[in-house]
């Protein structure tokens, strides 16, 4: 189970890093909030 959580965390961090490459600041904030919300619902 620890490996699954680690992989999920790595995926979320990768998405967050990609936001800064492709999205303006306002969109990045909205995307980050949505991603954080999804992570909480998954238990991260």
PDB file of N, CA and C in Angstrom:
ATOM      1  N   UNK A   1       0.821  -1.193   0.000  1.00  0.00           N
ATOM      2  CA  UNK A   1       0.000   0.000   0.000  1.00  0.00           C
ATOM      3  C   UNK A   1       0.867   1.259   0.000  1.00  0.00           C
ATOM      4  N   UNK A   2       1.997   1.215   0.671  1.00  0.00           N
ATOM      5  CA  UNK A   2       2.883   2.369   0.730  1.00  0.00           C
ATOM      6  C   UNK A   2       3.382   2.735  -0.660  1.00  0.00           C
ATOM      7  N   UNK A   3       3.662   1.732  -1.493  1.00  0.00           N
ATOM      8  CA  UNK A   3       4.118   1.999  -2.860  1.00  0.00           C
ATOM      9  C   UNK A   3       3.046   2.701  -3.676  1.00  0.00           C
ATOM     10  N   UNK A   4       1.804   2.317  -3.491  1.00  0.00           N
ATOM     11  CA  UNK A   4       0.694   2.936  -4.223  1.00  0.00           C
ATOM     12  C   UNK A   4       0.594   4.417  -3.855  1.00  0.00           C
ATOM     13  N   UNK A   5       0.662   4.718  -2.572  1.00  0.00           N
ATOM     14  CA  UNK A   5       0.573   6.105  -2.121  1.00  0.00           C
ATOM     15  C   UNK A   5       1.751   6.912  -2.658  1.00  0.00           C
ATOM     16  N   UNK A   6       2.920   6.319  -2.663  1.00  0.00           N
ATOM     17  CA  UNK A   6       4.110   6.998  -3.187  1.00  0.00           C
ATOM     18  C   UNK A   6       3.962   7.297  -4.676  1.00  0.00           C
ATOM     19  N   UNK A   7       3.457   6.358  -5.415  1.00  0.00           N
ATOM     20  CA  UNK A   7       3.249   6.555  -6.858  1.00  0.00           C
ATOM     21  C   UNK A   7       2.202   7.637  -7.102  1.00  0.00           C
ATOM     22  N   UNK A   8       1.116   7.610  -6.325  1.00  0.00           N
ATOM     23  CA  UNK A   8       0.081   8.641  -6.468  1.00  0.00           C
ATOM     24  C   UNK A   8       0.658  10.022  -6.169  1.00  0.00           C
ATOM     25  N   UNK A   9       1.447  10.124  -5.139  1.00  0.00           N
ATOM     26  CA  UNK A   9       2.069  11.402  -4.779  1.00  0.00           C
ATOM     27  C   UNK A   9       2.977  11.879  -5.903  1.00  0.00           C
ATOM     28  N   UNK A  10       3.776  10.978  -6.455  1.00  0.00           N
ATOM     29  CA  UNK A  10       4.670  11.339  -7.563  1.00  0.00           C
ATOM     30  C   UNK A  10       3.894  11.822  -8.776  1.00  0.00           C
ATOM     31  N   UNK A  11       2.782  11.169  -9.076  1.00  0.00           N
ATOM     32  CA  UNK A  11       1.952  11.593 -10.212  1.00  0.00           C
ATOM     33  C   UNK A  11       1.392  12.993  -9.993  1.00  0.00           C
ATOM     34  N   UNK A  12       0.912  13.248  -8.795  1.00  0.00           N
ATOM     35  CA  UNK A  12       0.368  14.578  -8.495  1.00  0.00           C
ATOM     36  C   UNK A  12       1.445  15.644  -8.632  1.00  0.00           C
ATOM     37  N   UNK A  13       2.631  15.371  -8.118  1.00  0.00           N
ATOM     38  CA  UNK A  13       3.728  16.334  -8.225  1.00  0.00           C
ATOM     39  C   UNK A  13       4.122  16.568  -9.681  1.00  0.00           C
ATOM     40  N   UNK A  14       4.105  15.528 -10.487  1.00  0.00           N
ATOM     41  CA  UNK A  14       4.419  15.674 -11.909  1.00  0.00           C
ATOM     42  C   UNK A  14       3.401  16.566 -12.603  1.00  0.00           C
ATOM     43  N   UNK A  15       2.114  16.365 -12.304  1.00  0.00           N
ATOM     44  CA  UNK A  15       1.083  17.228 -12.874  1.00  0.00           C
ATOM     45  C   UNK A  15       1.287  18.676 -12.449  1.00  0.00           C
ATOM     46  N   UNK A  16       1.598  18.887 -11.180  1.00  0.00           N
ATOM     47  CA  UNK A  16       1.814  20.259 -10.697  1.00  0.00           C
ATOM     48  C   UNK A  16       2.985  20.918 -11.407  1.00  0.00           C
ATOM     49  N   UNK A  17       4.041  20.178 -11.654  1.00  0.00           N
ATOM     50  CA  UNK A  17       5.199  20.735 -12.360  1.00  0.00           C
ATOM     51  C   UNK A  17       4.829  21.089 -13.795  1.00  0.00           C
ATOM     52  N   UNK A  18       3.994  20.282 -14.415  1.00  0.00           N
ATOM     53  CA  UNK A  18       3.564  20.562 -15.783  1.00  0.00           C
ATOM     54  C   UNK A  18       2.677  21.795 -15.859  1.00  0.00           C
ATOM     55  N   UNK A  19       1.899  22.072 -14.810  1.00  0.00           N
ATOM     56  CA  UNK A  19       1.049  23.263 -14.814  1.00  0.00           C
ATOM     57  C   UNK A  19       1.880  24.506 -15.096  1.00  0.00           C
ATOM     58  N   UNK A  20       3.021  24.609 -14.452  1.00  0.00           N
ATOM     59  CA  UNK A  20       3.834  25.817 -14.597  1.00  0.00           C
ATOM     60  C   UNK A  20       4.375  25.976 -16.011  1.00  0.00           C
ATOM     61  N   UNK A  21       4.481  24.904 -16.737  1.00  0.00           N
ATOM     62  CA  UNK A  21       4.968  24.983 -18.113  1.00  0.00           C
ATOM     63  C   UNK A  21       3.891  25.457 -19.087  1.00  0.00           C
ATOM     64  N   UNK A  22       2.655  25.035 -18.844  1.00  0.00           N
ATOM     65  CA  UNK A  22       1.630  25.208 -19.860  1.00  0.00           C
ATOM     66  C   UNK A  22       0.479  26.141 -19.501  1.00  0.00           C
ATOM     67  N   UNK A  23       0.335  26.521 -18.236  1.00  0.00           N
ATOM     68  CA  UNK A  23      -0.836  27.303 -17.847  1.00  0.00           C
ATOM     69  C   UNK A  23      -0.424  28.663 -17.283  1.00  0.00           C
ATOM     70  N   UNK A  24      -1.181  29.706 -17.605  1.00  0.00           N
ATOM     71  CA  UNK A  24      -0.960  30.998 -16.952  1.00  0.00           C
ATOM     72  C   UNK A  24      -1.237  30.875 -15.447  1.00  0.00           C
ATOM     73  N   UNK A  25      -0.812  31.882 -14.676  1.00  0.00           N
ATOM     74  CA  UNK A  25      -0.908  31.810 -13.220  1.00  0.00           C
ATOM     75  C   UNK A  25      -2.323  31.524 -12.730  1.00  0.00           C
ATOM     76  N   UNK A  26      -3.321  32.219 -13.267  1.00  0.00           N
ATOM     77  CA  UNK A  26      -4.688  32.041 -12.775  1.00  0.00           C
ATOM     78  C   UNK A  26      -5.191  30.629 -13.032  1.00  0.00           C
ATOM     79  N   UNK A  27      -4.906  30.097 -14.205  1.00  0.00           N
ATOM     80  CA  UNK A  27      -5.316  28.732 -14.505  1.00  0.00           C
ATOM     81  C   UNK A  27      -4.551  27.745 -13.634  1.00  0.00           C
ATOM     82  N   UNK A  28      -3.286  28.029 -13.408  1.00  0.00           N
ATOM     83  CA  UNK A  28      -2.459  27.149 -12.596  1.00  0.00           C
ATOM     84  C   UNK A  28      -3.040  27.034 -11.185  1.00  0.00           C
ATOM     85  N   UNK A  29      -3.475  28.157 -10.629  1.00  0.00           N
ATOM     86  CA  UNK A  29      -4.063  28.138  -9.285  1.00  0.00           C
ATOM     87  C   UNK A  29      -5.328  27.283  -9.271  1.00  0.00           C
ATOM     88  N   UNK A  30      -6.182  27.442 -10.273  1.00  0.00           N
ATOM     89  CA  UNK A  30      -7.422  26.656 -10.340  1.00  0.00           C
ATOM     90  C   UNK A  30      -7.121  25.173 -10.516  1.00  0.00           C
ATOM     91  N   UNK A  31      -6.172  24.866 -11.377  1.00  0.00           N
ATOM     92  CA  UNK A  31      -5.800  23.472 -11.594  1.00  0.00           C
ATOM     93  C   UNK A  31      -5.213  22.862 -10.323  1.00  0.00           C
ATOM     94  N   UNK A  32      -4.390  23.618  -9.626  1.00  0.00           N
ATOM     95  CA  UNK A  32      -3.798  23.124  -8.388  1.00  0.00           C
ATOM     96  C   UNK A  32      -4.870  22.856  -7.335  1.00  0.00           C
ATOM     97  N   UNK A  33      -5.856  23.741  -7.241  1.00  0.00           N
ATOM     98  CA  UNK A  33      -6.945  23.541  -6.284  1.00  0.00           C
ATOM     99  C   UNK A  33      -7.748  22.287  -6.632  1.00  0.00           C
ATOM    100  N   UNK A  34      -8.025  22.110  -7.909  1.00  0.00           N
ATOM    101  CA  UNK A  34      -8.770  20.923  -8.336  1.00  0.00           C
ATOM    102  C   UNK A  34      -7.979  19.647  -8.049  1.00  0.00           C
ATOM    103  N   UNK A  35      -6.695  19.679  -8.334  1.00  0.00           N
ATOM    104  CA  UNK A  35      -5.852  18.505  -8.101  1.00  0.00           C
ATOM    105  C   UNK A  35      -5.749  18.202  -6.604  1.00  0.00           C
ATOM    106  N   UNK A  36      -5.610  19.238  -5.790  1.00  0.00           N
ATOM    107  CA  UNK A  36      -5.558  19.034  -4.338  1.00  0.00           C
ATOM    108  C   UNK A  36      -6.858  18.447  -3.814  1.00  0.00           C
ATOM    109  N   UNK A  37      -7.966  18.908  -4.358  1.00  0.00           N
ATOM    110  CA  UNK A  37      -9.265  18.385  -3.951  1.00  0.00           C
ATOM    111  C   UNK A  37      -9.391  16.902  -4.297  1.00  0.00           C
ATOM    112  N   UNK A  38      -8.960  16.544  -5.488  1.00  0.00           N
ATOM    113  CA  UNK A  38      -9.002  15.139  -5.892  1.00  0.00           C
ATOM    114  C   UNK A  38      -8.102  14.287  -5.015  1.00  0.00           C
ATOM    115  N   UNK A  39      -6.931  14.815  -4.688  1.00  0.00           N
ATOM    116  CA  UNK A  39      -5.994  14.071  -3.845  1.00  0.00           C
ATOM    117  C   UNK A  39      -6.596  13.814  -2.460  1.00  0.00           C
ATOM    118  N   UNK A  40      -7.259  14.832  -1.886  1.00  0.00           N
ATOM    119  CA  UNK A  40      -7.897  14.653  -0.567  1.00  0.00           C
ATOM    120  C   UNK A  40      -8.973  13.596  -0.626  1.00  0.00           C
ATOM    121  N   UNK A  41      -9.730  13.585  -1.722  1.00  0.00           N
ATOM    122  CA  UNK A  41     -10.805  12.600  -1.847  1.00  0.00           C
ATOM    123  C   UNK A  41     -10.255  11.186  -1.994  1.00  0.00           C
ATOM    124  N   UNK A  42      -9.033  11.080  -2.500  1.00  0.00           N
ATOM    125  CA  UNK A  42      -8.398   9.766  -2.642  1.00  0.00           C
ATOM    126  C   UNK A  42      -7.624   9.372  -1.394  1.00  0.00           C
ATOM    127  N   UNK A  43      -7.554  10.300  -0.429  1.00  0.00           N
ATOM    128  CA  UNK A  43      -6.888   9.990   0.825  1.00  0.00           C
ATOM    129  C   UNK A  43      -5.439  10.373   0.880  1.00  0.00           C
ATOM    130  N   UNK A  44      -4.994  11.252  -0.020  1.00  0.00           N
ATOM    131  CA  UNK A  44      -3.595  11.685   0.017  1.00  0.00           C
ATOM    132  C   UNK A  44      -3.434  12.962   0.786  1.00  0.00           C
TER     133      UNK A  44
END
